[in-house]
Amino acid sequence: MQSIQVGQLKSDFSNILHLVQEEGETFIIVYGKNHKKVAMIVPYDPYIENQEERKFGLYKNKGSVRFSDDFAMSEEELLGL
């Protein structure tokens, strides 16, 4: 993983894209005098794009938990001290 200034990215954009595509390189784009990290260029992964959207709540209303009225546990018992 390499860091690259915005100015260098502008002048070497084609070469950097080639390195990302062919070599699998990753670049962190830094900006300004303080070299603030602002973005990242990573190789494209078609697997991520083709994934189905995850569905949340598949088990909603399919389980429950009950505690008895006399249930009590100290912090020490919980932590195993």
PDB file of N, CA and C in Angstrom:
ATOM      1  N   MET A   1       0.847  -1.161   0.000  1.00  0.00           N
ATOM      2  CA  MET A   1       0.000   0.000   0.000  1.00  0.00           C
ATOM      3  C   MET A   1       0.896   1.228   0.000  1.00  0.00           C
ATOM      4  N   GLN A   2       0.636   2.101  -0.944  1.00  0.00           N
ATOM      5  CA  GLN A   2       1.454   3.299  -1.083  1.00  0.00           C
ATOM      6  C   GLN A   2       0.600   4.538  -0.872  1.00  0.00           C
ATOM      7  N   SER A   3       1.222   5.587  -0.350  1.00  0.00           N
ATOM      8  CA  SER A   3       0.564   6.883  -0.247  1.00  0.00           C
ATOM      9  C   SER A   3       0.990   7.728  -1.431  1.00  0.00           C
ATOM     10  N   ILE A   4       0.062   8.535  -1.937  1.00  0.00           N
ATOM     11  CA  ILE A   4       0.364   9.360  -3.097  1.00  0.00           C
ATOM     12  C   ILE A   4      -0.323  10.712  -2.945  1.00  0.00           C
ATOM     13  N   GLN A   5       0.427  11.775  -3.229  1.00  0.00           N
ATOM     14  CA  GLN A   5      -0.116  13.131  -3.179  1.00  0.00           C
ATOM     15  C   GLN A   5      -1.063  13.362  -4.358  1.00  0.00           C
ATOM     16  N   VAL A   6      -2.015  14.255  -4.186  1.00  0.00           N
ATOM     17  CA  VAL A   6      -2.990  14.545  -5.228  1.00  0.00           C
ATOM     18  C   VAL A   6      -2.304  15.006  -6.511  1.00  0.00           C
ATOM     19  N   GLY A   7      -1.301  15.853  -6.400  1.00  0.00           N
ATOM     20  CA  GLY A   7      -0.591  16.348  -7.576  1.00  0.00           C
ATOM     21  C   GLY A   7       0.068  15.234  -8.365  1.00  0.00           C
ATOM     22  N   GLN A   8       0.675  14.306  -7.663  1.00  0.00           N
ATOM     23  CA  GLN A   8       1.308  13.174  -8.342  1.00  0.00           C
ATOM     24  C   GLN A   8       0.243  12.276  -8.967  1.00  0.00           C
ATOM     25  N   LEU A   9      -0.883  12.123  -8.289  1.00  0.00           N
ATOM     26  CA  LEU A   9      -1.974  11.323  -8.839  1.00  0.00           C
ATOM     27  C   LEU A   9      -2.459  11.918 -10.154  1.00  0.00           C
ATOM     28  N   LYS A  10      -2.581  13.237 -10.191  1.00  0.00           N
ATOM     29  CA  LYS A  10      -3.040  13.901 -11.420  1.00  0.00           C
ATOM     30  C   LYS A  10      -2.084  13.639 -12.577  1.00  0.00           C
ATOM     31  N   SER A  11      -0.796  13.764 -12.320  1.00  0.00           N
ATOM     32  CA  SER A  11       0.171  13.631 -13.414  1.00  0.00           C
ATOM     33  C   SER A  11       0.427  12.182 -13.818  1.00  0.00           C
ATOM     34  N   ASP A  12       0.266  11.238 -12.899  1.00  0.00           N
ATOM     35  CA  ASP A  12       0.559   9.836 -13.191  1.00  0.00           C
ATOM     36  C   ASP A  12      -0.681   8.942 -13.155  1.00  0.00           C
ATOM     37  N   PHE A  13      -1.857   9.508 -13.395  1.00  0.00           N
ATOM     38  CA  PHE A  13      -3.108   8.773 -13.222  1.00  0.00           C
ATOM     39  C   PHE A  13      -3.157   7.476 -14.031  1.00  0.00           C
ATOM     40  N   SER A  14      -2.782   7.532 -15.297  1.00  0.00           N
ATOM     41  CA  SER A  14      -2.829   6.329 -16.139  1.00  0.00           C
ATOM     42  C   SER A  14      -1.899   5.247 -15.619  1.00  0.00           C
ATOM     43  N   ASN A  15      -0.698   5.635 -15.218  1.00  0.00           N
ATOM     44  CA  ASN A  15       0.259   4.660 -14.682  1.00  0.00           C
ATOM     45  C   ASN A  15      -0.239   4.040 -13.378  1.00  0.00           C
ATOM     46  N   ILE A  16      -0.849   4.864 -12.543  1.00  0.00           N
ATOM     47  CA  ILE A  16      -1.366   4.370 -11.270  1.00  0.00           C
ATOM     48  C   ILE A  16      -2.514   3.397 -11.505  1.00  0.00           C
ATOM     49  N   LEU A  17      -3.410   3.733 -12.426  1.00  0.00           N
ATOM     50  CA  LEU A  17      -4.500   2.809 -12.748  1.00  0.00           C
ATOM     51  C   LEU A  17      -3.963   1.488 -13.297  1.00  0.00           C
ATOM     52  N   HIS A  18      -2.908   1.559 -14.069  1.00  0.00           N
ATOM     53  CA  HIS A  18      -2.281   0.335 -14.578  1.00  0.00           C
ATOM     54  C   HIS A  18      -1.756  -0.517 -13.424  1.00  0.00           C
ATOM     55  N   LEU A  19      -1.085   0.106 -12.456  1.00  0.00           N
ATOM     56  CA  LEU A  19      -0.567  -0.632 -11.299  1.00  0.00           C
ATOM     57  C   LEU A  19      -1.690  -1.255 -10.475  1.00  0.00           C
ATOM     58  N   VAL A  20      -2.779  -0.524 -10.344  1.00  0.00           N
ATOM     59  CA  VAL A  20      -3.921  -1.054  -9.597  1.00  0.00           C
ATOM     60  C   VAL A  20      -4.525  -2.246 -10.321  1.00  0.00           C
ATOM     61  N   GLN A  21      -4.702  -2.100 -11.627  1.00  0.00           N
ATOM     62  CA  GLN A  21      -5.352  -3.152 -12.418  1.00  0.00           C
ATOM     63  C   GLN A  21      -4.460  -4.375 -12.600  1.00  0.00           C
ATOM     64  N   GLU A  22      -3.226  -4.170 -12.970  1.00  0.00           N
ATOM     65  CA  GLU A  22      -2.344  -5.285 -13.325  1.00  0.00           C
ATOM     66  C   GLU A  22      -1.590  -5.881 -12.137  1.00  0.00           C
ATOM     67  N   GLU A  23      -1.185  -5.040 -11.211  1.00  0.00           N
ATOM     68  CA  GLU A  23      -0.353  -5.499 -10.096  1.00  0.00           C
ATOM     69  C   GLU A  23      -1.135  -5.665  -8.799  1.00  0.00           C
ATOM     70  N   GLY A  24      -2.372  -5.187  -8.769  1.00  0.00           N
ATOM     71  CA  GLY A  24      -3.172  -5.277  -7.551  1.00  0.00           C
ATOM     72  C   GLY A  24      -2.749  -4.299  -6.469  1.00  0.00           C
ATOM     73  N   GLU A  25      -2.029  -3.243  -6.856  1.00  0.00           N
ATOM     74  CA  GLU A  25      -1.561  -2.242  -5.894  1.00  0.00           C
ATOM     75  C   GLU A  25      -2.736  -1.475  -5.299  1.00  0.00           C
ATOM     76  N   THR A  26      -2.543  -0.970  -4.098  1.00  0.00           N
ATOM     77  CA  THR A  26      -3.519  -0.115  -3.428  1.00  0.00           C
ATOM     78  C   THR A  26      -2.836   1.205  -3.110  1.00  0.00           C
ATOM     79  N   PHE A  27      -3.526   2.315  -3.361  1.00  0.00           N
ATOM     80  CA  PHE A  27      -2.963   3.639  -3.121  1.00  0.00           C
ATOM     81  C   PHE A  27      -3.852   4.426  -2.174  1.00  0.00           C
ATOM     82  N   ILE A  28      -3.220   5.077  -1.191  1.00  0.00           N
ATOM     83  CA  ILE A  28      -3.912   6.012  -0.321  1.00  0.00           C
ATOM     84  C   ILE A  28      -3.623   7.407  -0.857  1.00  0.00           C
ATOM     85  N   ILE A  29      -4.667   8.179  -1.101  1.00  0.00           N
ATOM     86  CA  ILE A  29      -4.503   9.524  -1.632  1.00  0.00           C
ATOM     87  C   ILE A  29      -4.446  10.490  -0.455  1.00  0.00           C
ATOM     88  N   VAL A  30      -3.345  11.248  -0.395  1.00  0.00           N
ATOM     89  CA  VAL A  30      -3.164  12.223   0.682  1.00  0.00           C
ATOM     90  C   VAL A  30      -3.238  13.623   0.111  1.00  0.00           C
ATOM     91  N   TYR A  31      -3.703  14.564   0.952  1.00  0.00           N
ATOM     92  CA  TYR A  31      -3.977  15.916   0.477  1.00  0.00           C
ATOM     93  C   TYR A  31      -3.397  16.940   1.439  1.00  0.00           C
ATOM     94  N   GLY A  32      -2.809  17.973   0.888  1.00  0.00           N
ATOM     95  CA  GLY A  32      -2.355  19.116   1.674  1.00  0.00           C
ATOM     96  C   GLY A  32      -1.000  18.932   2.324  1.00  0.00           C
ATOM     97  N   LYS A  33      -0.585  19.987   3.023  1.00  0.00           N
ATOM     98  CA  LYS A  33       0.725  19.981   3.685  1.00  0.00           C
ATOM     99  C   LYS A  33       0.792  18.977   4.822  1.00  0.00           C
ATOM    100  N   ASN A  34      -0.343  18.723   5.442  1.00  0.00           N
ATOM    101  CA  ASN A  34      -0.370  17.787   6.571  1.00  0.00           C
ATOM    102  C   ASN A  34      -0.550  16.337   6.130  1.00  0.00           C
ATOM    103  N   HIS A  35      -0.598  16.129   4.821  1.00  0.00           N
ATOM    104  CA  HIS A  35      -0.754  14.786   4.257  1.00  0.00           C
ATOM    105  C   HIS A  35      -1.973  14.060   4.843  1.00  0.00           C
ATOM    106  N   LYS A  36      -3.107  14.745   4.827  1.00  0.00           N
ATOM    107  CA  LYS A  36      -4.345  14.168   5.340  1.00  0.00           C
ATOM    108  C   LYS A  36      -4.844  13.087   4.371  1.00  0.00           C
ATOM    109  N   LYS A  37      -5.117  11.903   4.900  1.00  0.00           N
ATOM    110  CA  LYS A  37      -5.619  10.803   4.074  1.00  0.00           C
ATOM    111  C   LYS A  37      -7.080  11.086   3.738  1.00  0.00           C
ATOM    112  N   VAL A  38      -7.395  11.113   2.430  1.00  0.00           N
ATOM    113  CA  VAL A  38      -8.749  11.470   2.010  1.00  0.00           C
ATOM    114  C   VAL A  38      -9.455  10.387   1.212  1.00  0.00           C
ATOM    115  N   ALA A  39      -8.730   9.484   0.569  1.00  0.00           N
ATOM    116  CA  ALA A  39      -9.370   8.471  -0.262  1.00  0.00           C
ATOM    117  C   ALA A  39      -8.395   7.323  -0.496  1.00  0.00           C
ATOM    118  N   MET A  40      -8.939   6.310  -1.159  1.00  0.00           N
ATOM    119  CA  MET A  40      -8.127   5.139  -1.434  1.00  0.00           C
ATOM    120  C   MET A  40      -8.515   4.570  -2.797  1.00  0.00           C
ATOM    121  N   ILE A  41      -7.543   4.132  -3.559  1.00  0.00           N
ATOM    122  CA  ILE A  41      -7.793   3.462  -4.833  1.00  0.00           C
ATOM    123  C   ILE A  41      -7.417   2.002  -4.628  1.00  0.00           C
ATOM    124  N   VAL A  42      -8.392   1.114  -4.837  1.00  0.00           N
ATOM    125  CA  VAL A  42      -8.174  -0.323  -4.637  1.00  0.00           C
ATOM    126  C   VAL A  42      -8.592  -1.064  -5.892  1.00  0.00           C
ATOM    127  N   PRO A  43      -8.066  -2.264  -6.111  1.00  0.00           N
ATOM    128  CA  PRO A  43      -8.476  -3.048  -7.276  1.00  0.00           C
ATOM    129  C   PRO A  43      -9.972  -3.376  -7.213  1.00  0.00           C
ATOM    130  N   TYR A  44     -10.596  -3.412  -8.349  1.00  0.00           N
ATOM    131  CA  TYR A  44     -12.020  -3.721  -8.462  1.00  0.00           C
ATOM    132  C   TYR A  44     -12.243  -5.207  -8.175  1.00  0.00           C
ATOM    133  N   ASP A  45     -13.265  -5.508  -7.411  1.00  0.00           N
ATOM    134  CA  ASP A  45     -13.604  -6.895  -7.086  1.00  0.00           C
ATOM    135  C   ASP A  45     -15.022  -7.177  -7.576  1.00  0.00           C
ATOM    136  N   PRO A  46     -15.167  -7.900  -8.690  1.00  0.00           N
ATOM    137  CA  PRO A  46     -16.509  -8.159  -9.226  1.00  0.00           C
ATOM    138  C   PRO A  46     -17.383  -8.965  -8.277  1.00  0.00           C
ATOM    139  N   TYR A  47     -16.779  -9.729  -7.382  1.00  0.00           N
ATOM    140  CA  TYR A  47     -17.547 -10.513  -6.428  1.00  0.00           C
ATOM    141  C   TYR A  47     -18.420  -9.612  -5.550  1.00  0.00           C
ATOM    142  N   ILE A  48     -17.883  -8.490  -5.133  1.00  0.00           N
ATOM    143  CA  ILE A  48     -18.620  -7.574  -4.268  1.00  0.00           C
ATOM    144  C   ILE A  48     -19.836  -7.016  -4.994  1.00  0.00           C
ATOM    145  N   GLU A  49     -19.683  -6.668  -6.242  1.00  0.00           N
ATOM    146  CA  GLU A  49     -20.785  -6.087  -7.003  1.00  0.00           C
ATOM    147  C   GLU A  49     -21.893  -7.112  -7.249  1.00  0.00           C
ATOM    148  N   ASN A  50     -21.546  -8.376  -7.406  1.00  0.00           N
ATOM    149  CA  ASN A  50     -22.518  -9.408  -7.728  1.00  0.00           C
ATOM    150  C   ASN A  50     -23.177 -10.044  -6.508  1.00  0.00           C
ATOM    151  N   GLN A  51     -22.796  -9.624  -5.317  1.00  0.00           N
ATOM    152  CA  GLN A  51     -23.401 -10.183  -4.121  1.00  0.00           C
ATOM    153  C   GLN A  51     -24.845  -9.707  -3.986  1.00  0.00           C
ATOM    154  N   GLU A  52     -25.682 -10.610  -3.493  1.00  0.00           N
ATOM    155  CA  GLU A  52     -27.056 -10.215  -3.219  1.00  0.00           C
ATOM    156  C   GLU A  52     -27.090  -9.354  -1.969  1.00  0.00           C
ATOM    157  N   GLU A  53     -28.071  -8.475  -1.913  1.00  0.00           N
ATOM    158  CA  GLU A  53     -28.214  -7.622  -0.749  1.00  0.00           C
ATOM    159  C   GLU A  53     -28.609  -8.485   0.442  1.00  0.00           C
ATOM    160  N   ARG A  54     -27.930  -8.258   1.566  1.00  0.00           N
ATOM    161  CA  ARG A  54     -28.226  -9.044   2.753  1.00  0.00           C
ATOM    162  C   ARG A  54     -29.549  -8.591   3.355  1.00  0.00           C
ATOM    163  N   LYS A  55     -30.324  -9.550   3.805  1.00  0.00           N
ATOM    164  CA  LYS A  55     -31.600  -9.256   4.427  1.00  0.00           C
ATOM    165  C   LYS A  55     -31.432  -9.357   5.937  1.00  0.00           C
ATOM    166  N   PHE A  56     -31.817  -8.310   6.633  1.00  0.00           N
ATOM    167  CA  PHE A  56     -31.735  -8.296   8.080  1.00  0.00           C
ATOM    168  C   PHE A  56     -33.086  -8.691   8.663  1.00  0.00           C
ATOM    169  N   GLY A  57     -33.045  -9.255   9.821  1.00  0.00           N
ATOM    170  CA  GLY A  57     -34.273  -9.611  10.510  1.00  0.00           C
ATOM    171  C   GLY A  57     -34.854 -10.941  10.081  1.00  0.00           C
ATOM    172  N   LEU A  58     -34.034 -11.855   9.562  1.00  0.00           N
ATOM    173  CA  LEU A  58     -34.544 -13.152   9.137  1.00  0.00           C
ATOM    174  C   LEU A  58     -35.179 -13.928  10.291  1.00  0.00           C
ATOM    175  N   TYR A  59     -34.661 -13.747  11.500  1.00  0.00           N
ATOM    176  CA  TYR A  59     -35.158 -14.497  12.655  1.00  0.00           C
ATOM    177  C   TYR A  59     -36.039 -13.655  13.565  1.00  0.00           C
ATOM    178  N   LYS A  60     -36.520 -12.539  13.064  1.00  0.00           N
ATOM    179  CA  LYS A  60     -37.367 -11.673  13.867  1.00  0.00           C
ATOM    180  C   LYS A  60     -38.644 -12.424  14.246  1.00  0.00           C
ATOM    181  N   ASN A  61     -39.004 -12.337  15.529  1.00  0.00           N
ATOM    182  CA  ASN A  61     -40.198 -12.982  16.093  1.00  0.00           C
ATOM    183  C   ASN A  61     -40.134 -14.510  16.041  1.00  0.00           C
ATOM    184  N   LYS A  62     -38.956 -15.094  15.927  1.00  0.00           N
ATOM    185  CA  LYS A  62     -38.828 -16.545  15.884  1.00  0.00           C
ATOM    186  C   LYS A  62     -38.132 -17.102  17.118  1.00  0.00           C
ATOM    187  N   GLY A  63     -37.876 -16.297  18.087  1.00  0.00           N
ATOM    188  CA  GLY A  63     -37.226 -16.743  19.299  1.00  0.00           C
ATOM    189  C   GLY A  63     -37.521 -15.787  20.427  1.00  0.00           C
ATOM    190  N   SER A  64     -37.255 -16.233  21.629  1.00  0.00           N
ATOM    191  CA  SER A  64     -37.480 -15.353  22.772  1.00  0.00           C
ATOM    192  C   SER A  64     -36.551 -15.751  23.904  1.00  0.00           C
ATOM    193  N   VAL A  65     -36.490 -14.871  24.899  1.00  0.00           N
ATOM    194  CA  VAL A  65     -35.675 -15.095  26.079  1.00  0.00           C
ATOM    195  C   VAL A  65     -36.495 -14.668  27.281  1.00  0.00           C
ATOM    196  N   ARG A  66     -36.464 -15.469  28.320  1.00  0.00           N
ATOM    197  CA  ARG A  66     -37.142 -15.114  29.566  1.00  0.00           C
ATOM    198  C   ARG A  66     -36.188 -15.348  30.719  1.00  0.00           C
ATOM    199  N   PHE A  67     -36.195 -14.456  31.670  1.00  0.00           N
ATOM    200  CA  PHE A  67     -35.416 -14.591  32.890  1.00  0.00           C
ATOM    201  C   PHE A  67     -36.382 -14.757  34.053  1.00  0.00           C
ATOM    202  N   SER A  68     -36.045 -15.662  34.953  1.00  0.00           N
ATOM    203  CA  SER A  68     -36.911 -15.838  36.115  1.00  0.00           C
ATOM    204  C   SER A  68     -36.835 -14.600  37.006  1.00  0.00           C
ATOM    205  N   ASP A  69     -37.855 -14.435  37.825  1.00  0.00           N
ATOM    206  CA  ASP A  69     -37.936 -13.244  38.674  1.00  0.00           C
ATOM    207  C   ASP A  69     -36.804 -13.189  39.692  1.00  0.00           C
ATOM    208  N   ASP A  70     -36.273 -14.340  40.100  1.00  0.00           N
ATOM    209  CA  ASP A  70     -35.215 -14.343  41.102  1.00  0.00           C
ATOM    210  C   ASP A  70     -33.816 -14.392  40.482  1.00  0.00           C
ATOM    211  N   PHE A  71     -33.715 -14.127  39.197  1.00  0.00           N
ATOM    212  CA  PHE A  71     -32.412 -14.136  38.530  1.00  0.00           C
ATOM    213  C   PHE A  71     -31.594 -12.941  38.997  1.00  0.00           C
ATOM    214  N   ALA A  72     -30.389 -13.210  39.441  1.00  0.00           N
ATOM    215  CA  ALA A  72     -29.491 -12.134  39.868  1.00  0.00           C
ATOM    216  C   ALA A  72     -28.057 -12.594  39.639  1.00  0.00           C
ATOM    217  N   MET A  73     -27.236 -11.682  39.186  1.00  0.00           N
ATOM    218  CA  MET A  73     -25.834 -11.997  38.957  1.00  0.00           C
ATOM    219  C   MET A  73     -25.022 -10.732  39.224  1.00  0.00           C
ATOM    220  N   SER A  74     -23.989 -10.876  40.002  1.00  0.00           N
ATOM    221  CA  SER A  74     -23.127  -9.729  40.270  1.00  0.00           C
ATOM    222  C   SER A  74     -22.176  -9.525  39.093  1.00  0.00           C
ATOM    223  N   GLU A  75     -21.551  -8.372  39.041  1.00  0.00           N
ATOM    224  CA  GLU A  75     -20.574  -8.091  37.984  1.00  0.00           C
ATOM    225  C   GLU A  75     -19.398  -9.070  38.058  1.00  0.00           C
ATOM    226  N   GLU A  76     -18.988  -9.441  39.276  1.00  0.00           N
ATOM    227  CA  GLU A  76     -17.884 -10.376  39.447  1.00  0.00           C
ATOM    228  C   GLU A  76     -18.230 -11.748  38.873  1.00  0.00           C
ATOM    229  N   GLU A  77     -19.471 -12.201  39.129  1.00  0.00           N
ATOM    230  CA  GLU A  77     -19.908 -13.489  38.573  1.00  0.00           C
ATOM    231  C   GLU A  77     -19.965 -13.431  37.053  1.00  0.00           C
ATOM    232  N   LEU A  78     -20.460 -12.329  36.532  1.00  0.00           N
ATOM    233  CA  LEU A  78     -20.538 -12.158  35.084  1.00  0.00           C
ATOM    234  C   LEU A  78     -19.158 -12.222  34.456  1.00  0.00           C
ATOM    235  N   LEU A  79     -18.193 -11.576  35.072  1.00  0.00           N
ATOM    236  CA  LEU A  79     -16.834 -11.518  34.532  1.00  0.00           C
ATOM    237  C   LEU A  79     -16.006 -12.751  34.913  1.00  0.00           C
ATOM    238  N   GLY A  80     -16.542 -13.595  35.762  1.00  0.00           N
ATOM    239  CA  GLY A  80     -15.824 -14.812  36.159  1.00  0.00           C
ATOM    240  C   GLY A  80     -14.701 -14.541  37.124  1.00  0.00           C
ATOM    241  N   LEU A  81     -14.854 -13.521  37.956  1.00  0.00           N
ATOM    242  CA  LEU A  81     -13.803 -13.191  38.936  1.00  0.00           C
ATOM    243  C   LEU A  81     -14.042 -13.857  40.265  1.00  0.00           C
TER     244      LEU A  81
END
